[in-house]
Amino acid sequence: MRIPPRVPESDSTHGAITDAARLQMEEYSRFARKFIGAEYRRLIDQLLGELHLDPRANVLEIGPGPGWLTLWLGQRVPTLHLTGLELSPDMIRVAERNRAEAGVTNVRFVQGDAARMEGLADGEFDAVISNGSLHHWLDPAAVFDCIARVLKPGGLVAISDGRRDLSPTARMLVGALRIAMRLDPVATRPMIDGWKSSIAAGYTPGELGELLCRSRLSNCAVSTGMLDVLIRSRPHSS
């Protein structure tokens, strides 16, 4: 199977998704909650199940966007301490509004670049998580190095994102889902097109393995699903 070359998303500014004439972040938030919500909840189940996230952990999420993953995780486990590191001030605006409306008190959102993580201390976090953000990172290896710096020894890593090397069956599924989305008013044309460009900007498992080997997260493993990849701590280091 021929794998198409990676095409970075052209609508991101320095890796951040910001308000534009065709798409406001409030619109993005509604789409994410409705169409990506099940994916967020699956990752939460995995974090609390097989990945054994400590219910008292200090957790960093990279690229929370409108904040649904972090907010739902915070609601599910009120004893967690969660920080969302987000590059886009427009996303933070929406995430803070979502946090206030949900009444979640164990989550904070801070603006910053994941490739530098200024203001975050060495060994500050028990776990670092991310979903759907990796393909936006301009320098993934630099982000991996920063994760290793702010993570406690033996801490948990769980980074999931879409994969570019979709099988023919997976491509048929994506096509069918995009057709179904056109019938839903929440899924506007920019969001549907954005999903397609996100797949084109994704990494293959092999590419991620090479990036990890060149970083301080070389002890992490890459696993795959039909539509996604997961970078996670190896069992002996979780």
C-alpha atoms as a PDB file:
ATOM      1  CA  MET A   1       0.000   0.000   0.000  1.00  0.00           C
ATOM      2  CA  ARG A   2       1.381   3.384  -1.008  1.00  0.00           C
ATOM      3  CA  ILE A   3       1.451   5.873   1.886  1.00  0.00           C
ATOM      4  CA  PRO A   4       0.920   9.491   0.797  1.00  0.00           C
ATOM      5  CA  PRO A   5       3.576  12.018   1.865  1.00  0.00           C
ATOM      6  CA  ARG A   6       2.816  14.041   4.971  1.00  0.00           C
ATOM      7  CA  VAL A   7       1.174  17.429   4.307  1.00  0.00           C
ATOM      8  CA  PRO A   8       1.378  19.821   7.319  1.00  0.00           C
ATOM      9  CA  GLU A   9      -1.847  21.707   7.928  1.00  0.00           C
ATOM     10  CA  SER A  10      -1.674  25.113   6.257  1.00  0.00           C
ATOM     11  CA  ASP A  11      -4.315  26.775   8.454  1.00  0.00           C
ATOM     12  CA  SER A  12      -2.288  26.564  11.661  1.00  0.00           C
ATOM     13  CA  THR A  13      -0.211  29.531  12.835  1.00  0.00           C
ATOM     14  CA  HIS A  14       2.973  28.343  14.547  1.00  0.00           C
ATOM     15  CA  GLY A  15       1.074  25.132  15.273  1.00  0.00           C
ATOM     16  CA  ALA A  16      -1.929  26.890  16.882  1.00  0.00           C
ATOM     17  CA  ILE A  17      -5.549  26.801  15.708  1.00  0.00           C
ATOM     18  CA  THR A  18      -7.019  30.292  15.974  1.00  0.00           C
ATOM     19  CA  ASP A  19     -10.217  32.117  15.046  1.00  0.00           C
ATOM     20  CA  ALA A  20     -10.648  32.664  11.313  1.00  0.00           C
ATOM     21  CA  ALA A  21     -13.316  34.079   9.022  1.00  0.00           C
ATOM     22  CA  ARG A  22     -14.561  30.571   8.156  1.00  0.00           C
ATOM     23  CA  LEU A  23     -14.274  29.065  11.635  1.00  0.00           C
ATOM     24  CA  GLN A  24     -14.613  30.374  15.183  1.00  0.00           C
ATOM     25  CA  MET A  25     -13.340  28.310  18.096  1.00  0.00           C
ATOM     26  CA  GLU A  26     -16.813  28.127  19.651  1.00  0.00           C
ATOM     27  CA  GLU A  27     -17.823  26.255  16.491  1.00  0.00           C
ATOM     28  CA  TYR A  28     -14.779  24.014  16.823  1.00  0.00           C
ATOM     29  CA  SER A  29     -15.737  23.289  20.433  1.00  0.00           C
ATOM     30  CA  ARG A  30     -19.250  22.159  19.483  1.00  0.00           C
ATOM     31  CA  PHE A  31     -17.857  19.898  16.768  1.00  0.00           C
ATOM     32  CA  ALA A  32     -15.232  18.379  19.080  1.00  0.00           C
ATOM     33  CA  ARG A  33     -17.770  17.650  21.798  1.00  0.00           C
ATOM     34  CA  LYS A  34     -20.206  15.943  19.434  1.00  0.00           C
ATOM     35  CA  PHE A  35     -17.928  14.103  17.015  1.00  0.00           C
ATOM     36  CA  ILE A  36     -14.742  13.501  19.015  1.00  0.00           C
ATOM     37  CA  GLY A  37     -16.377  13.082  22.422  1.00  0.00           C
ATOM     38  CA  ALA A  38     -16.505   9.289  22.175  1.00  0.00           C
ATOM     39  CA  GLU A  39     -12.776   9.261  21.398  1.00  0.00           C
ATOM     40  CA  TYR A  40     -12.063  11.425  24.452  1.00  0.00           C
ATOM     41  CA  ARG A  41     -14.077   9.093  26.666  1.00  0.00           C
ATOM     42  CA  ARG A  42     -12.308   6.006  25.299  1.00  0.00           C
ATOM     43  CA  LEU A  43      -8.948   7.567  26.162  1.00  0.00           C
ATOM     44  CA  ILE A  44     -10.210   8.429  29.652  1.00  0.00           C
ATOM     45  CA  ASP A  45     -11.318   4.829  30.135  1.00  0.00           C
ATOM     46  CA  GLN A  46      -7.913   3.643  28.950  1.00  0.00           C
ATOM     47  CA  LEU A  47      -6.074   6.051  31.261  1.00  0.00           C
ATOM     48  CA  LEU A  48      -8.060   4.879  34.276  1.00  0.00           C
ATOM     49  CA  GLY A  49      -8.017   1.234  33.215  1.00  0.00           C
ATOM     50  CA  GLU A  50      -5.042  -0.433  31.586  1.00  0.00           C
ATOM     51  CA  LEU A  51      -2.744   2.615  31.923  1.00  0.00           C
ATOM     52  CA  HIS A  52      -3.412   2.845  35.688  1.00  0.00           C
ATOM     53  CA  LEU A  53      -3.491   6.628  36.078  1.00  0.00           C
ATOM     54  CA  ASP A  54      -3.146   7.440  39.779  1.00  0.00           C
ATOM     55  CA  PRO A  55      -6.345   9.224  40.971  1.00  0.00           C
ATOM     56  CA  ARG A  56      -4.176  11.735  42.863  1.00  0.00           C
ATOM     57  CA  ALA A  57      -1.852  12.456  39.935  1.00  0.00           C
ATOM     58  CA  ASN A  58      -0.704  15.835  38.675  1.00  0.00           C
ATOM     59  CA  VAL A  59      -1.532  15.612  34.949  1.00  0.00           C
ATOM     60  CA  LEU A  60      -0.473  17.764  31.995  1.00  0.00           C
ATOM     61  CA  GLU A  61      -2.480  17.732  28.778  1.00  0.00           C
ATOM     62  CA  ILE A  62      -0.767  19.144  25.695  1.00  0.00           C
ATOM     63  CA  GLY A  63      -3.052  20.882  23.228  1.00  0.00           C
ATOM     64  CA  PRO A  64      -6.396  20.595  25.052  1.00  0.00           C
ATOM     65  CA  GLY A  65      -8.153  22.833  22.508  1.00  0.00           C
ATOM     66  CA  PRO A  66     -11.659  23.495  23.850  1.00  0.00           C
ATOM     67  CA  GLY A  67     -10.773  21.388  26.887  1.00  0.00           C
ATOM     68  CA  TRP A  68     -13.263  18.517  26.745  1.00  0.00           C
ATOM     69  CA  LEU A  69     -10.797  15.698  27.456  1.00  0.00           C
ATOM     70  CA  THR A  70      -9.294  17.434  30.484  1.00  0.00           C
ATOM     71  CA  LEU A  71     -12.654  18.663  31.777  1.00  0.00           C
ATOM     72  CA  TRP A  72     -14.325  15.260  31.523  1.00  0.00           C
ATOM     73  CA  LEU A  73     -11.316  13.571  33.118  1.00  0.00           C
ATOM     74  CA  GLY A  74     -11.435  16.149  35.924  1.00  0.00           C
ATOM     75  CA  GLN A  75     -15.154  15.525  36.454  1.00  0.00           C
ATOM     76  CA  ARG A  76     -14.637  11.767  36.462  1.00  0.00           C
ATOM     77  CA  VAL A  77     -11.801  11.928  39.025  1.00  0.00           C
ATOM     78  CA  PRO A  78     -12.095  15.084  41.186  1.00  0.00           C
ATOM     79  CA  THR A  79      -8.886  14.219  43.078  1.00  0.00           C
ATOM     80  CA  LEU A  80      -6.730  14.751  39.974  1.00  0.00           C
ATOM     81  CA  HIS A  81      -4.850  18.017  39.402  1.00  0.00           C
ATOM     82  CA  LEU A  82      -4.977  18.863  35.702  1.00  0.00           C
ATOM     83  CA  THR A  83      -3.175  21.461  33.597  1.00  0.00           C
ATOM     84  CA  GLY A  84      -3.962  22.112  29.940  1.00  0.00           C
ATOM     85  CA  LEU A  85      -1.053  23.656  27.998  1.00  0.00           C
ATOM     86  CA  GLU A  86      -2.495  25.360  24.918  1.00  0.00           C
ATOM     87  CA  LEU A  87      -0.739  27.529  22.328  1.00  0.00           C
ATOM     88  CA  SER A  88      -3.868  29.241  20.975  1.00  0.00           C
ATOM     89  CA  PRO A  89      -5.344  32.093  23.059  1.00  0.00           C
ATOM     90  CA  ASP A  90      -8.617  31.637  21.186  1.00  0.00           C
ATOM     91  CA  MET A  91      -8.815  28.004  22.287  1.00  0.00           C
ATOM     92  CA  ILE A  92      -8.066  29.010  25.880  1.00  0.00           C
ATOM     93  CA  ARG A  93     -10.931  31.517  25.742  1.00  0.00           C
ATOM     94  CA  VAL A  94     -13.344  28.728  24.809  1.00  0.00           C
ATOM     95  CA  ALA A  95     -11.815  26.183  27.208  1.00  0.00           C
ATOM     96  CA  GLU A  96     -12.154  28.595  30.139  1.00  0.00           C
ATOM     97  CA  ARG A  97     -15.788  29.196  29.239  1.00  0.00           C
ATOM     98  CA  ASN A  98     -16.415  25.450  29.038  1.00  0.00           C
ATOM     99  CA  ARG A  99     -14.682  24.959  32.403  1.00  0.00           C
ATOM    100  CA  ALA A 100     -16.810  27.647  34.073  1.00  0.00           C
ATOM    101  CA  GLU A 101     -20.055  26.259  32.616  1.00  0.00           C
ATOM    102  CA  ALA A 102     -19.139  22.726  33.722  1.00  0.00           C
ATOM    103  CA  GLY A 103     -18.164  23.907  37.220  1.00  0.00           C
ATOM    104  CA  VAL A 104     -14.878  21.974  37.143  1.00  0.00           C
ATOM    105  CA  THR A 105     -12.428  23.233  39.780  1.00  0.00           C
ATOM    106  CA  ASN A 106      -9.453  20.853  39.458  1.00  0.00           C
ATOM    107  CA  VAL A 107      -8.440  22.031  35.961  1.00  0.00           C
ATOM    108  CA  ARG A 108      -6.406  25.047  34.865  1.00  0.00           C
ATOM    109  CA  PHE A 109      -5.511  26.181  31.341  1.00  0.00           C
ATOM    110  CA  VAL A 110      -2.255  27.985  30.591  1.00  0.00           C
ATOM    111  CA  GLN A 111      -0.978  29.447  27.349  1.00  0.00           C
ATOM    112  CA  GLY A 112       2.395  28.178  26.185  1.00  0.00           C
ATOM    113  CA  ASP A 113       4.440  26.403  23.553  1.00  0.00           C
ATOM    114  CA  ALA A 114       4.818  22.650  24.078  1.00  0.00           C
ATOM    115  CA  ALA A 115       8.242  22.771  22.403  1.00  0.00           C
ATOM    116  CA  ARG A 116       9.519  24.980  25.262  1.00  0.00           C
ATOM    117  CA  MET A 117       7.130  24.502  28.219  1.00  0.00           C
ATOM    118  CA  GLU A 118       8.350  27.663  29.897  1.00  0.00           C
ATOM    119  CA  GLY A 119       7.049  28.021  33.433  1.00  0.00           C
ATOM    120  CA  LEU A 120       6.647  24.284  33.961  1.00  0.00           C
ATOM    121  CA  ALA A 121       9.128  22.774  36.407  1.00  0.00           C
ATOM    122  CA  ASP A 122      11.334  19.737  35.940  1.00  0.00           C
ATOM    123  CA  GLY A 123       9.580  16.608  37.207  1.00  0.00           C
ATOM    124  CA  GLU A 124       6.360  18.507  37.940  1.00  0.00           C
ATOM    125  CA  PHE A 125       3.896  15.977  36.491  1.00  0.00           C
ATOM    126  CA  ASP A 126       2.994  12.375  37.175  1.00  0.00           C
ATOM    127  CA  ALA A 127       1.468  12.000  33.713  1.00  0.00           C
ATOM    128  CA  VAL A 128       1.470  13.781  30.337  1.00  0.00           C
ATOM    129  CA  ILE A 129      -1.401  13.151  27.943  1.00  0.00           C
ATOM    130  CA  SER A 130      -2.531  14.495  24.572  1.00  0.00           C
ATOM    131  CA  ASN A 131      -5.185  13.699  21.983  1.00  0.00           C
ATOM    132  CA  GLY A 132      -5.427  15.004  18.417  1.00  0.00           C
ATOM    133  CA  SER A 133      -2.690  17.597  18.858  1.00  0.00           C
ATOM    134  CA  LEU A 134       0.494  15.827  17.745  1.00  0.00           C
ATOM    135  CA  HIS A 135       0.059  16.487  14.017  1.00  0.00           C
ATOM    136  CA  HIS A 136       0.098  20.246  14.765  1.00  0.00           C
ATOM    137  CA  TRP A 137       3.478  20.166  16.525  1.00  0.00           C
ATOM    138  CA  LEU A 138       6.121  21.820  14.367  1.00  0.00           C
ATOM    139  CA  ASP A 139       8.954  19.971  16.136  1.00  0.00           C
ATOM    140  CA  PRO A 140       7.639  16.773  17.768  1.00  0.00           C
ATOM    141  CA  ALA A 141      11.081  15.660  18.953  1.00  0.00           C
ATOM    142  CA  ALA A 142      11.474  18.939  20.872  1.00  0.00           C
ATOM    143  CA  VAL A 143       8.069  18.404  22.487  1.00  0.00           C
ATOM    144  CA  PHE A 144       9.064  14.848  23.433  1.00  0.00           C
ATOM    145  CA  ASP A 145      12.218  16.204  25.096  1.00  0.00           C
ATOM    146  CA  CYS A 146      10.153  18.747  27.055  1.00  0.00           C
ATOM    147  CA  ILE A 147       7.746  16.016  28.144  1.00  0.00           C
ATOM    148  CA  ALA A 148      10.680  14.007  29.473  1.00  0.00           C
ATOM    149  CA  ARG A 149      11.858  17.072  31.393  1.00  0.00           C
ATOM    150  CA  VAL A 150       8.574  17.898  33.140  1.00  0.00           C
ATOM    151  CA  LEU A 151       7.643  14.255  33.786  1.00  0.00           C
ATOM    152  CA  LYS A 152       8.542  12.549  37.040  1.00  0.00           C
ATOM    153  CA  PRO A 153      10.747   9.447  36.742  1.00  0.00           C
ATOM    154  CA  GLY A 154       8.523   6.522  35.803  1.00  0.00           C
ATOM    155  CA  GLY A 155       5.666   8.868  34.908  1.00  0.00           C
ATOM    156  CA  LEU A 156       2.861   8.003  32.495  1.00  0.00           C
ATOM    157  CA  VAL A 157       2.825   9.113  28.854  1.00  0.00           C
ATOM    158  CA  ALA A 158      -0.273   8.716  26.642  1.00  0.00           C
ATOM    159  CA  ILE A 159      -0.275  10.657  23.346  1.00  0.00           C
ATOM    160  CA  SER A 160      -2.889   9.707  20.754  1.00  0.00           C
ATOM    161  CA  ASP A 161      -3.489  11.099  17.279  1.00  0.00           C
ATOM    162  CA  GLY A 162      -4.810  10.121  13.880  1.00  0.00           C
ATOM    163  CA  ARG A 163      -2.601   8.097  11.555  1.00  0.00           C
ATOM    164  CA  ARG A 164      -1.876   8.903   7.903  1.00  0.00           C
ATOM    165  CA  ASP A 165      -1.291   5.338   6.739  1.00  0.00           C
ATOM    166  CA  LEU A 166      -4.957   4.358   6.743  1.00  0.00           C
ATOM    167  CA  SER A 167      -5.888   0.982   5.316  1.00  0.00           C
ATOM    168  CA  PRO A 168      -8.399   0.825   2.439  1.00  0.00           C
ATOM    169  CA  THR A 169     -11.076  -0.231   4.937  1.00  0.00           C
ATOM    170  CA  ALA A 170     -10.248   2.691   7.231  1.00  0.00           C
ATOM    171  CA  ARG A 171     -10.374   5.113   4.296  1.00  0.00           C
ATOM    172  CA  MET A 172     -13.815   3.812   3.346  1.00  0.00           C
ATOM    173  CA  LEU A 173     -14.951   4.335   6.951  1.00  0.00           C
ATOM    174  CA  VAL A 174     -13.610   7.899   7.010  1.00  0.00           C
ATOM    175  CA  GLY A 175     -15.342   8.629   3.713  1.00  0.00           C
ATOM    176  CA  ALA A 176     -18.653   7.320   5.009  1.00  0.00           C
ATOM    177  CA  LEU A 177     -18.345   9.349   8.219  1.00  0.00           C
ATOM    178  CA  ARG A 178     -17.575  12.540   6.279  1.00  0.00           C
ATOM    179  CA  ILE A 179     -20.686  11.991   4.138  1.00  0.00           C
ATOM    180  CA  ALA A 180     -22.794  11.513   7.282  1.00  0.00           C
ATOM    181  CA  MET A 181     -21.328  14.650   8.832  1.00  0.00           C
ATOM    182  CA  ARG A 182     -22.575  16.770   5.923  1.00  0.00           C
ATOM    183  CA  LEU A 183     -26.118  16.119   7.145  1.00  0.00           C
ATOM    184  CA  ASP A 184     -25.389  17.494  10.622  1.00  0.00           C
ATOM    185  CA  PRO A 185     -25.502  21.302  11.181  1.00  0.00           C
ATOM    186  CA  VAL A 186     -22.772  21.086  13.841  1.00  0.00           C
ATOM    187  CA  ALA A 187     -20.305  19.697  11.287  1.00  0.00           C
ATOM    188  CA  THR A 188     -19.696  22.737   9.092  1.00  0.00           C
ATOM    189  CA  ARG A 189     -17.650  22.536   5.903  1.00  0.00           C
ATOM    190  CA  PRO A 190     -14.454  23.924   7.520  1.00  0.00           C
ATOM    191  CA  MET A 191     -14.628  21.241  10.228  1.00  0.00           C
ATOM    192  CA  ILE A 192     -15.193  18.424   7.725  1.00  0.00           C
ATOM    193  CA  ASP A 193     -12.343  19.686   5.548  1.00  0.00           C
ATOM    194  CA  GLY A 194     -10.216  20.109   8.662  1.00  0.00           C
ATOM    195  CA  TRP A 195     -10.587  16.437   9.535  1.00  0.00           C
ATOM    196  CA  LYS A 196      -9.341  15.494   6.079  1.00  0.00           C
ATOM    197  CA  SER A 197      -6.313  17.792   6.362  1.00  0.00           C
ATOM    198  CA  SER A 198      -5.582  16.460   9.860  1.00  0.00           C
ATOM    199  CA  ILE A 199      -5.316  12.927   8.473  1.00  0.00           C
ATOM    200  CA  ALA A 200      -2.942  14.154   5.766  1.00  0.00           C
ATOM    201  CA  ALA A 201      -0.820  15.860   8.454  1.00  0.00           C
ATOM    202  CA  GLY A 202      -0.669  12.774  10.672  1.00  0.00           C
ATOM    203  CA  TYR A 203       2.315  10.536  11.242  1.00  0.00           C
ATOM    204  CA  THR A 204       2.734   6.840  10.572  1.00  0.00           C
ATOM    205  CA  PRO A 205       3.729   4.530  13.445  1.00  0.00           C
ATOM    206  CA  GLY A 206       7.167   4.089  11.855  1.00  0.00           C
ATOM    207  CA  GLU A 207       7.744   7.835  11.621  1.00  0.00           C
ATOM    208  CA  LEU A 208       6.776   8.281  15.257  1.00  0.00           C
ATOM    209  CA  GLY A 209       9.087   5.466  16.293  1.00  0.00           C
ATOM    210  CA  GLU A 210      11.990   7.226  14.575  1.00  0.00           C
ATOM    211  CA  LEU A 211      11.126  10.559  16.217  1.00  0.00           C
ATOM    212  CA  LEU A 212      10.941   8.930  19.634  1.00  0.00           C
ATOM    213  CA  CYS A 213      14.320   7.243  19.139  1.00  0.00           C
ATOM    214  CA  ARG A 214      15.889  10.666  18.576  1.00  0.00           C
ATOM    215  CA  SER A 215      14.301  12.092  21.724  1.00  0.00           C
ATOM    216  CA  ARG A 216      14.363  11.612  25.479  1.00  0.00           C
ATOM    217  CA  LEU A 217      11.175   9.535  25.204  1.00  0.00           C
ATOM    218  CA  SER A 218      12.947   6.663  23.462  1.00  0.00           C
ATOM    219  CA  ASN A 219      11.625   4.302  26.175  1.00  0.00           C
ATOM    220  CA  CYS A 220       8.027   4.811  24.975  1.00  0.00           C
ATOM    221  CA  ALA A 221       6.174   2.439  22.665  1.00  0.00           C
ATOM    222  CA  VAL A 222       3.848   3.063  19.713  1.00  0.00           C
ATOM    223  CA  SER A 223       0.639   1.060  19.350  1.00  0.00           C
ATOM    224  CA  THR A 224      -1.965   1.339  16.604  1.00  0.00           C
ATOM    225  CA  GLY A 225      -5.703   1.279  16.034  1.00  0.00           C
ATOM    226  CA  MET A 226      -7.640   1.416  12.778  1.00  0.00           C
ATOM    227  CA  LEU A 227      -7.649   5.218  12.677  1.00  0.00           C
ATOM    228  CA  ASP A 228      -5.115   6.253  15.290  1.00  0.00           C
ATOM    229  CA  VAL A 229      -1.769   5.761  16.970  1.00  0.00           C
ATOM    230  CA  LEU A 230      -0.918   5.844  20.673  1.00  0.00           C
ATOM    231  CA  ILE A 231       2.462   6.714  22.151  1.00  0.00           C
ATOM    232  CA  ARG A 232       2.573   5.327  25.673  1.00  0.00           C
ATOM    233  CA  SER A 233       4.928   4.474  28.477  1.00  0.00           C
ATOM    234  CA  ARG A 234       6.139   0.896  28.376  1.00  0.00           C
ATOM    235  CA  PRO A 235       4.558  -1.231  31.122  1.00  0.00           C
ATOM    236  CA  HIS A 236       7.735  -1.433  33.198  1.00  0.00           C
ATOM    237  CA  SER A 237       7.962   2.385  33.395  1.00  0.00           C
ATOM    238  CA  SER A 238       4.302   3.217  34.156  1.00  0.00           C
END
